[in-house]
């Protein structure tokens, strides 16, 4: 699969994250299950994470994806704040 094409699952998860984190400066979603949609790696860079501990940031992402997670086997979350 080429890096430019996205699976339906990647597009769906990206859309949900964009809705939940409108101030995000970067969102990247990768299906790491080989395209079957069972496991994703998400990277979210957002000002909304500033002043929050990493566990709180990850809880925010988990909450945003709570419906999608029901159909996943696993989820890797990476969060950050934009550099000033």
PDB file of N, CA and C in Angstrom:
ATOM      1  N   UNK A   1       0.858  -1.183   0.000  1.00  0.00           N
ATOM      2  CA  UNK A   1       0.000   0.000   0.000  1.00  0.00           C
ATOM      3  C   UNK A   1       0.885   1.220   0.000  1.00  0.00           C
ATOM      4  N   UNK A   2       0.581   2.182  -0.818  1.00  0.00           N
ATOM      5  CA  UNK A   2       1.420   3.373  -0.889  1.00  0.00           C
ATOM      6  C   UNK A   2       1.139   4.284   0.294  1.00  0.00           C
ATOM      7  N   UNK A   3       2.082   5.146   0.582  1.00  0.00           N
ATOM      8  CA  UNK A   3       1.929   6.040   1.732  1.00  0.00           C
ATOM      9  C   UNK A   3       0.895   7.137   1.475  1.00  0.00           C
ATOM     10  N   UNK A   4       0.549   7.363   0.222  1.00  0.00           N
ATOM     11  CA  UNK A   4      -0.399   8.431  -0.077  1.00  0.00           C
ATOM     12  C   UNK A   4      -1.840   7.963   0.030  1.00  0.00           C
ATOM     13  N   UNK A   5      -2.093   6.674  -0.157  1.00  0.00           N
ATOM     14  CA  UNK A   5      -3.464   6.200  -0.047  1.00  0.00           C
ATOM     15  C   UNK A   5      -3.771   5.913   1.419  1.00  0.00           C
ATOM     16  N   UNK A   6      -5.018   6.174   1.790  1.00  0.00           N
ATOM     17  CA  UNK A   6      -5.425   5.964   3.169  1.00  0.00           C
ATOM     18  C   UNK A   6      -6.566   4.974   3.207  1.00  0.00           C
ATOM     19  N   UNK A   7      -6.595   4.178   4.255  1.00  0.00           N
ATOM     20  CA  UNK A   7      -7.709   3.256   4.405  1.00  0.00           C
ATOM     21  C   UNK A   7      -8.929   4.035   4.882  1.00  0.00           C
ATOM     22  N   UNK A   8     -10.097   3.436   4.738  1.00  0.00           N
ATOM     23  CA  UNK A   8     -11.324   4.069   5.231  1.00  0.00           C
ATOM     24  C   UNK A   8     -11.228   4.304   6.735  1.00  0.00           C
ATOM     25  N   UNK A   9     -10.646   3.346   7.431  1.00  0.00           N
ATOM     26  CA  UNK A   9     -10.500   3.476   8.882  1.00  0.00           C
ATOM     27  C   UNK A   9      -9.611   4.650   9.265  1.00  0.00           C
ATOM     28  N   UNK A  10      -8.494   4.804   8.553  1.00  0.00           N
ATOM     29  CA  UNK A  10      -7.605   5.945   8.819  1.00  0.00           C
ATOM     30  C   UNK A  10      -8.340   7.258   8.599  1.00  0.00           C
ATOM     31  N   UNK A  11      -9.100   7.334   7.514  1.00  0.00           N
ATOM     32  CA  UNK A  11      -9.845   8.557   7.207  1.00  0.00           C
ATOM     33  C   UNK A  11     -10.903   8.826   8.286  1.00  0.00           C
ATOM     34  N   UNK A  12     -11.591   7.782   8.732  1.00  0.00           N
ATOM     35  CA  UNK A  12     -12.632   7.935   9.756  1.00  0.00           C
ATOM     36  C   UNK A  12     -12.038   8.407  11.084  1.00  0.00           C
ATOM     37  N   UNK A  13     -10.964   7.769  11.522  1.00  0.00           N
ATOM     38  CA  UNK A  13     -10.326   8.141  12.785  1.00  0.00           C
ATOM     39  C   UNK A  13      -9.775   9.567  12.700  1.00  0.00           C
ATOM     40  N   UNK A  14      -9.183   9.910  11.565  1.00  0.00           N
ATOM     41  CA  UNK A  14      -8.672  11.276  11.370  1.00  0.00           C
ATOM     42  C   UNK A  14      -9.807  12.287  11.461  1.00  0.00           C
ATOM     43  N   UNK A  15     -10.931  11.986  10.821  1.00  0.00           N
ATOM     44  CA  UNK A  15     -12.086  12.889  10.841  1.00  0.00           C
ATOM     45  C   UNK A  15     -12.586  13.107  12.270  1.00  0.00           C
ATOM     46  N   UNK A  16     -12.694  12.046  13.046  1.00  0.00           N
ATOM     47  CA  UNK A  16     -13.142  12.162  14.440  1.00  0.00           C
ATOM     48  C   UNK A  16     -12.162  13.013  15.244  1.00  0.00           C
ATOM     49  N   UNK A  17     -10.875  12.768  15.077  1.00  0.00           N
ATOM     50  CA  UNK A  17      -9.876  13.537  15.826  1.00  0.00           C
ATOM     51  C   UNK A  17      -9.903  15.013  15.437  1.00  0.00           C
ATOM     52  N   UNK A  18     -10.105  15.303  14.153  1.00  0.00           N
ATOM     53  CA  UNK A  18     -10.182  16.707  13.716  1.00  0.00           C
ATOM     54  C   UNK A  18     -11.394  17.400  14.339  1.00  0.00           C
ATOM     55  N   UNK A  19     -12.503  16.674  14.469  1.00  0.00           N
ATOM     56  CA  UNK A  19     -13.707  17.244  15.104  1.00  0.00           C
ATOM     57  C   UNK A  19     -13.473  17.507  16.588  1.00  0.00           C
ATOM     58  N   UNK A  20     -12.839  16.560  17.261  1.00  0.00           N
ATOM     59  CA  UNK A  20     -12.652  16.652  18.712  1.00  0.00           C
ATOM     60  C   UNK A  20     -11.515  17.578  19.107  1.00  0.00           C
ATOM     61  N   UNK A  21     -10.540  17.751  18.216  1.00  0.00           N
ATOM     62  CA  UNK A  21      -9.386  18.613  18.490  1.00  0.00           C
ATOM     63  C   UNK A  21      -9.267  19.661  17.382  1.00  0.00           C
ATOM     64  N   UNK A  22     -10.187  20.628  17.362  1.00  0.00           N
ATOM     65  CA  UNK A  22     -10.178  21.618  16.269  1.00  0.00           C
ATOM     66  C   UNK A  22      -8.932  22.495  16.258  1.00  0.00           C
ATOM     67  N   UNK A  23      -8.235  22.600  17.377  1.00  0.00           N
ATOM     68  CA  UNK A  23      -7.025  23.426  17.438  1.00  0.00           C
ATOM     69  C   UNK A  23      -5.762  22.629  17.138  1.00  0.00           C
ATOM     70  N   UNK A  24      -5.904  21.382  16.748  1.00  0.00           N
ATOM     71  CA  UNK A  24      -4.732  20.536  16.468  1.00  0.00           C
ATOM     72  C   UNK A  24      -3.941  21.088  15.295  1.00  0.00           C
ATOM     73  N   UNK A  25      -2.632  21.170  15.476  1.00  0.00           N
ATOM     74  CA  UNK A  25      -1.768  21.641  14.394  1.00  0.00           C
ATOM     75  C   UNK A  25      -1.311  20.476  13.524  1.00  0.00           C
ATOM     76  N   UNK A  26      -1.412  19.248  14.038  1.00  0.00           N
ATOM     77  CA  UNK A  26      -1.042  18.068  13.248  1.00  0.00           C
ATOM     78  C   UNK A  26      -1.789  16.847  13.783  1.00  0.00           C
ATOM     79  N   UNK A  27      -2.320  16.066  12.862  1.00  0.00           N
ATOM     80  CA  UNK A  27      -2.958  14.788  13.209  1.00  0.00           C
ATOM     81  C   UNK A  27      -2.503  13.782  12.162  1.00  0.00           C
ATOM     82  N   UNK A  28      -1.996  12.659  12.641  1.00  0.00           N
ATOM     83  CA  UNK A  28      -1.576  11.595  11.716  1.00  0.00           C
ATOM     84  C   UNK A  28      -2.112  10.274  12.253  1.00  0.00           C
ATOM     85  N   UNK A  29      -2.769   9.521  11.395  1.00  0.00           N
ATOM     86  CA  UNK A  29      -3.347   8.231  11.770  1.00  0.00           C
ATOM     87  C   UNK A  29      -2.806   7.183  10.806  1.00  0.00           C
ATOM     88  N   UNK A  30      -2.268   6.098  11.362  1.00  0.00           N
ATOM     89  CA  UNK A  30      -1.722   5.023  10.531  1.00  0.00           C
ATOM     90  C   UNK A  30      -2.305   3.695  10.994  1.00  0.00           C
ATOM     91  N   UNK A  31      -2.858   2.952  10.047  1.00  0.00           N
ATOM     92  CA  UNK A  31      -3.350   1.598  10.333  1.00  0.00           C
ATOM     93  C   UNK A  31      -2.120   0.701  10.390  1.00  0.00           C
ATOM     94  N   UNK A  32      -1.782   0.214  11.573  1.00  0.00           N
ATOM     95  CA  UNK A  32      -0.585  -0.623  11.725  1.00  0.00           C
ATOM     96  C   UNK A  32      -0.941  -2.108  11.788  1.00  0.00           C
ATOM     97  N   UNK A  33      -2.171  -2.431  11.365  1.00  0.00           N
ATOM     98  CA  UNK A  33      -2.600  -3.827  11.366  1.00  0.00           C
ATOM     99  C   UNK A  33      -2.522  -4.433   9.966  1.00  0.00           C
ATOM    100  N   UNK A  34      -1.925  -3.709   9.038  1.00  0.00           N
ATOM    101  CA  UNK A  34      -1.826  -4.217   7.682  1.00  0.00           C
ATOM    102  C   UNK A  34      -3.031  -3.865   6.832  1.00  0.00           C
ATOM    103  N   UNK A  35      -3.852  -2.956   7.309  1.00  0.00           N
ATOM    104  CA  UNK A  35      -4.995  -2.494   6.522  1.00  0.00           C
ATOM    105  C   UNK A  35      -6.343  -3.040   6.946  1.00  0.00           C
ATOM    106  N   UNK A  36      -6.364  -3.921   7.956  1.00  0.00           N
ATOM    107  CA  UNK A  36      -7.652  -4.508   8.352  1.00  0.00           C
ATOM    108  C   UNK A  36      -8.390  -3.650   9.383  1.00  0.00           C
ATOM    109  N   UNK A  37      -7.750  -2.612   9.905  1.00  0.00           N
ATOM    110  CA  UNK A  37      -8.437  -1.709  10.817  1.00  0.00           C
ATOM    111  C   UNK A  37      -8.491  -2.163  12.264  1.00  0.00           C
ATOM    112  N   UNK A  38      -7.658  -3.130  12.636  1.00  0.00           N
ATOM    113  CA  UNK A  38      -7.698  -3.637  14.006  1.00  0.00           C
ATOM    114  C   UNK A  38      -6.795  -2.868  14.955  1.00  0.00           C
ATOM    115  N   UNK A  39      -5.765  -2.194  14.415  1.00  0.00           N
ATOM    116  CA  UNK A  39      -4.832  -1.484  15.279  1.00  0.00           C
ATOM    117  C   UNK A  39      -4.343  -0.224  14.580  1.00  0.00           C
ATOM    118  N   UNK A  40      -4.332   0.870  15.336  1.00  0.00           N
ATOM    119  CA  UNK A  40      -3.925   2.154  14.784  1.00  0.00           C
ATOM    120  C   UNK A  40      -2.861   2.806  15.651  1.00  0.00           C
ATOM    121  N   UNK A  41      -2.092   3.653  14.995  1.00  0.00           N
ATOM    122  CA  UNK A  41      -1.158   4.527  15.690  1.00  0.00           C
ATOM    123  C   UNK A  41      -1.603   5.945  15.357  1.00  0.00           C
ATOM    124  N   UNK A  42      -1.848   6.745  16.399  1.00  0.00           N
ATOM    125  CA  UNK A  42      -2.292   8.122  16.176  1.00  0.00           C
ATOM    126  C   UNK A  42      -1.303   9.088  16.807  1.00  0.00           C
ATOM    127  N   UNK A  43      -1.032  10.155  16.076  1.00  0.00           N
ATOM    128  CA  UNK A  43      -0.178  11.243  16.547  1.00  0.00           C
ATOM    129  C   UNK A  43      -1.026  12.505  16.502  1.00  0.00           C
ATOM    130  N   UNK A  44      -1.177  13.158  17.651  1.00  0.00           N
ATOM    131  CA  UNK A  44      -1.957  14.392  17.707  1.00  0.00           C
ATOM    132  C   UNK A  44      -1.100  15.466  18.367  1.00  0.00           C
ATOM    133  N   UNK A  45      -0.918  16.566  17.650  1.00  0.00           N
ATOM    134  CA  UNK A  45      -0.213  17.725  18.198  1.00  0.00           C
ATOM    135  C   UNK A  45      -1.247  18.838  18.326  1.00  0.00           C
ATOM    136  N   UNK A  46      -1.488  19.256  19.589  1.00  0.00           N
ATOM    137  CA  UNK A  46      -2.539  20.240  19.805  1.00  0.00           C
ATOM    138  C   UNK A  46      -2.225  21.148  20.984  1.00  0.00           C
ATOM    139  N   UNK A  47      -2.605  22.389  20.829  1.00  0.00           N
ATOM    140  CA  UNK A  47      -2.488  23.366  21.909  1.00  0.00           C
ATOM    141  C   UNK A  47      -3.351  22.951  23.102  1.00  0.00           C
ATOM    142  N   UNK A  48      -4.394  22.181  22.844  1.00  0.00           N
ATOM    143  CA  UNK A  48      -5.301  21.728  23.905  1.00  0.00           C
ATOM    144  C   UNK A  48      -4.596  20.846  24.946  1.00  0.00           C
ATOM    145  N   UNK A  49      -3.439  20.308  24.594  1.00  0.00           N
ATOM    146  CA  UNK A  49      -2.700  19.453  25.526  1.00  0.00           C
ATOM    147  C   UNK A  49      -1.782  20.238  26.458  1.00  0.00           C
ATOM    148  N   UNK A  50      -1.567  21.505  26.171  1.00  0.00           N
ATOM    149  CA  UNK A  50      -0.648  22.298  26.990  1.00  0.00           C
ATOM    150  C   UNK A  50      -1.113  22.295  28.445  1.00  0.00           C
ATOM    151  N   UNK A  51      -0.155  22.214  29.361  1.00  0.00           N
ATOM    152  CA  UNK A  51      -0.419  22.211  30.813  1.00  0.00           C
ATOM    153  C   UNK A  51      -1.067  20.910  31.299  1.00  0.00           C
ATOM    154  N   UNK A  52      -1.153  19.890  30.425  1.00  0.00           N
ATOM    155  CA  UNK A  52      -1.735  18.611  30.837  1.00  0.00           C
ATOM    156  C   UNK A  52      -0.643  17.544  30.853  1.00  0.00           C
ATOM    157  N   UNK A  53      -0.743  16.642  31.819  1.00  0.00           N
ATOM    158  CA  UNK A  53       0.192  15.520  31.879  1.00  0.00           C
ATOM    159  C   UNK A  53      -0.097  14.563  30.720  1.00  0.00           C
ATOM    160  N   UNK A  54       0.891  13.777  30.356  1.00  0.00           N
ATOM    161  CA  UNK A  54       0.734  12.863  29.224  1.00  0.00           C
ATOM    162  C   UNK A  54      -0.457  11.929  29.420  1.00  0.00           C
ATOM    163  N   UNK A  55      -0.646  11.424  30.622  1.00  0.00           N
ATOM    164  CA  UNK A  55      -1.777  10.517  30.854  1.00  0.00           C
ATOM    165  C   UNK A  55      -3.104  11.238  30.594  1.00  0.00           C
ATOM    166  N   UNK A  56      -3.183  12.510  30.938  1.00  0.00           N
ATOM    167  CA  UNK A  56      -4.399  13.285  30.675  1.00  0.00           C
ATOM    168  C   UNK A  56      -4.589  13.492  29.172  1.00  0.00           C
ATOM    169  N   UNK A  57      -3.494  13.749  28.465  1.00  0.00           N
ATOM    170  CA  UNK A  57      -3.562  13.920  27.014  1.00  0.00           C
ATOM    171  C   UNK A  57      -4.088  12.648  26.360  1.00  0.00           C
ATOM    172  N   UNK A  58      -3.564  11.498  26.794  1.00  0.00           N
ATOM    173  CA  UNK A  58      -3.973  10.221  26.221  1.00  0.00           C
ATOM    174  C   UNK A  58      -5.419   9.912  26.563  1.00  0.00           C
ATOM    175  N   UNK A  59      -5.859  10.294  27.770  1.00  0.00           N
ATOM    176  CA  UNK A  59      -7.261  10.105  28.142  1.00  0.00           C
ATOM    177  C   UNK A  59      -8.173  10.929  27.233  1.00  0.00           C
ATOM    178  N   UNK A  60      -7.739  12.130  26.871  1.00  0.00           N
ATOM    179  CA  UNK A  60      -8.523  12.972  25.962  1.00  0.00           C
ATOM    180  C   UNK A  60      -8.689  12.297  24.602  1.00  0.00           C
ATOM    181  N   UNK A  61      -7.619  11.696  24.105  1.00  0.00           N
ATOM    182  CA  UNK A  61      -7.677  11.009  22.817  1.00  0.00           C
ATOM    183  C   UNK A  61      -8.560   9.760  22.925  1.00  0.00           C
ATOM    184  N   UNK A  62      -8.391   9.001  23.996  1.00  0.00           N
ATOM    185  CA  UNK A  62      -9.229   7.815  24.210  1.00  0.00           C
ATOM    186  C   UNK A  62     -10.709   8.199  24.255  1.00  0.00           C
ATOM    187  N   UNK A  63     -11.021   9.273  24.958  1.00  0.00           N
ATOM    188  CA  UNK A  63     -12.401   9.732  25.063  1.00  0.00           C
ATOM    189  C   UNK A  63     -12.931  10.142  23.685  1.00  0.00           C
ATOM    190  N   UNK A  64     -12.120  10.842  22.915  1.00  0.00           N
ATOM    191  CA  UNK A  64     -12.532  11.282  21.583  1.00  0.00           C
ATOM    192  C   UNK A  64     -12.827  10.090  20.666  1.00  0.00           C
ATOM    193  N   UNK A  65     -12.071   9.003  20.848  1.00  0.00           N
ATOM    194  CA  UNK A  65     -12.198   7.831  19.970  1.00  0.00           C
ATOM    195  C   UNK A  65     -12.970   6.682  20.613  1.00  0.00           C
ATOM    196  N   UNK A  66     -13.731   6.960  21.669  1.00  0.00           N
ATOM    197  CA  UNK A  66     -14.360   5.873  22.427  1.00  0.00           C
ATOM    198  C   UNK A  66     -15.229   4.952  21.576  1.00  0.00           C
ATOM    199  N   UNK A  67     -15.945   5.490  20.590  1.00  0.00           N
ATOM    200  CA  UNK A  67     -16.785   4.632  19.727  1.00  0.00           C
ATOM    201  C   UNK A  67     -15.929   3.808  18.773  1.00  0.00           C
ATOM    202  N   UNK A  68     -14.897   4.421  18.188  1.00  0.00           N
ATOM    203  CA  UNK A  68     -14.026   3.714  17.244  1.00  0.00           C
ATOM    204  C   UNK A  68     -13.221   2.622  17.940  1.00  0.00           C
ATOM    205  N   UNK A  69     -12.822   2.887  19.197  1.00  0.00           N
ATOM    206  CA  UNK A  69     -11.994   1.930  19.943  1.00  0.00           C
ATOM    207  C   UNK A  69     -12.725   0.606  20.152  1.00  0.00           C
ATOM    208  N   UNK A  70     -14.032   0.647  20.207  1.00  0.00           N
ATOM    209  CA  UNK A  70     -14.816  -0.584  20.412  1.00  0.00           C
ATOM    210  C   UNK A  70     -14.532  -1.626  19.336  1.00  0.00           C
ATOM    211  N   UNK A  71     -14.140  -1.171  18.144  1.00  0.00           N
ATOM    212  CA  UNK A  71     -13.883  -2.083  17.034  1.00  0.00           C
ATOM    213  C   UNK A  71     -12.402  -2.337  16.796  1.00  0.00           C
ATOM    214  N   UNK A  72     -11.546  -1.820  17.685  1.00  0.00           N
ATOM    215  CA  UNK A  72     -10.104  -1.963  17.509  1.00  0.00           C
ATOM    216  C   UNK A  72      -9.536  -3.044  18.423  1.00  0.00           C
ATOM    217  N   UNK A  73      -8.423  -3.589  17.984  1.00  0.00           N
ATOM    218  CA  UNK A  73      -7.675  -4.528  18.814  1.00  0.00           C
ATOM    219  C   UNK A  73      -6.668  -3.767  19.674  1.00  0.00           C
ATOM    220  N   UNK A  74      -6.142  -2.680  19.127  1.00  0.00           N
ATOM    221  CA  UNK A  74      -5.143  -1.910  19.860  1.00  0.00           C
ATOM    222  C   UNK A  74      -5.011  -0.506  19.306  1.00  0.00           C
ATOM    223  N   UNK A  75      -4.437   0.375  20.137  1.00  0.00           N
ATOM    224  CA  UNK A  75      -4.274   1.767  19.759  1.00  0.00           C
ATOM    225  C   UNK A  75      -3.003   2.305  20.404  1.00  0.00           C
ATOM    226  N   UNK A  76      -2.111   2.834  19.584  1.00  0.00           N
ATOM    227  CA  UNK A  76      -0.914   3.518  20.092  1.00  0.00           C
ATOM    228  C   UNK A  76      -1.157   5.010  19.981  1.00  0.00           C
ATOM    229  N   UNK A  77      -0.954   5.722  21.072  1.00  0.00           N
ATOM    230  CA  UNK A  77      -1.224   7.160  21.089  1.00  0.00           C
ATOM    231  C   UNK A  77       0.059   7.917  21.370  1.00  0.00           C
ATOM    232  N   UNK A  78       0.307   8.920  20.534  1.00  0.00           N
ATOM    233  CA  UNK A  78       1.419   9.842  20.730  1.00  0.00           C
ATOM    234  C   UNK A  78       0.841  11.242  20.705  1.00  0.00           C
ATOM    235  N   UNK A  79       1.098  12.017  21.756  1.00  0.00           N
ATOM    236  CA  UNK A  79       0.575  13.376  21.833  1.00  0.00           C
ATOM    237  C   UNK A  79       1.709  14.350  22.081  1.00  0.00           C
ATOM    238  N   UNK A  80       1.486  15.599  21.662  1.00  0.00           N
ATOM    239  CA  UNK A  80       2.483  16.643  21.891  1.00  0.00           C
ATOM    240  C   UNK A  80       1.794  17.992  21.763  1.00  0.00           C
ATOM    241  N   UNK A  81       2.517  19.020  22.193  1.00  0.00           N
ATOM    242  CA  UNK A  81       2.036  20.391  22.019  1.00  0.00           C
ATOM    243  C   UNK A  81       2.931  21.059  20.979  1.00  0.00           C
ATOM    244  N   UNK A  82       2.390  22.019  20.248  1.00  0.00           N
ATOM    245  CA  UNK A  82       3.219  22.704  19.249  1.00  0.00           C
ATOM    246  C   UNK A  82       4.373  23.428  19.916  1.00  0.00           C
ATOM    247  N   UNK A  83       5.495  23.453  19.242  1.00  0.00           N
ATOM    248  CA  UNK A  83       6.656  24.184  19.766  1.00  0.00           C
ATOM    249  C   UNK A  83       6.383  25.686  19.631  1.00  0.00           C
ATOM    250  N   UNK A  84       6.752  26.463  20.659  1.00  0.00           N
ATOM    251  CA  UNK A  84       6.471  27.912  20.597  1.00  0.00           C
ATOM    252  C   UNK A  84       7.282  28.607  19.508  1.00  0.00           C
TER     253      UNK A  84
END
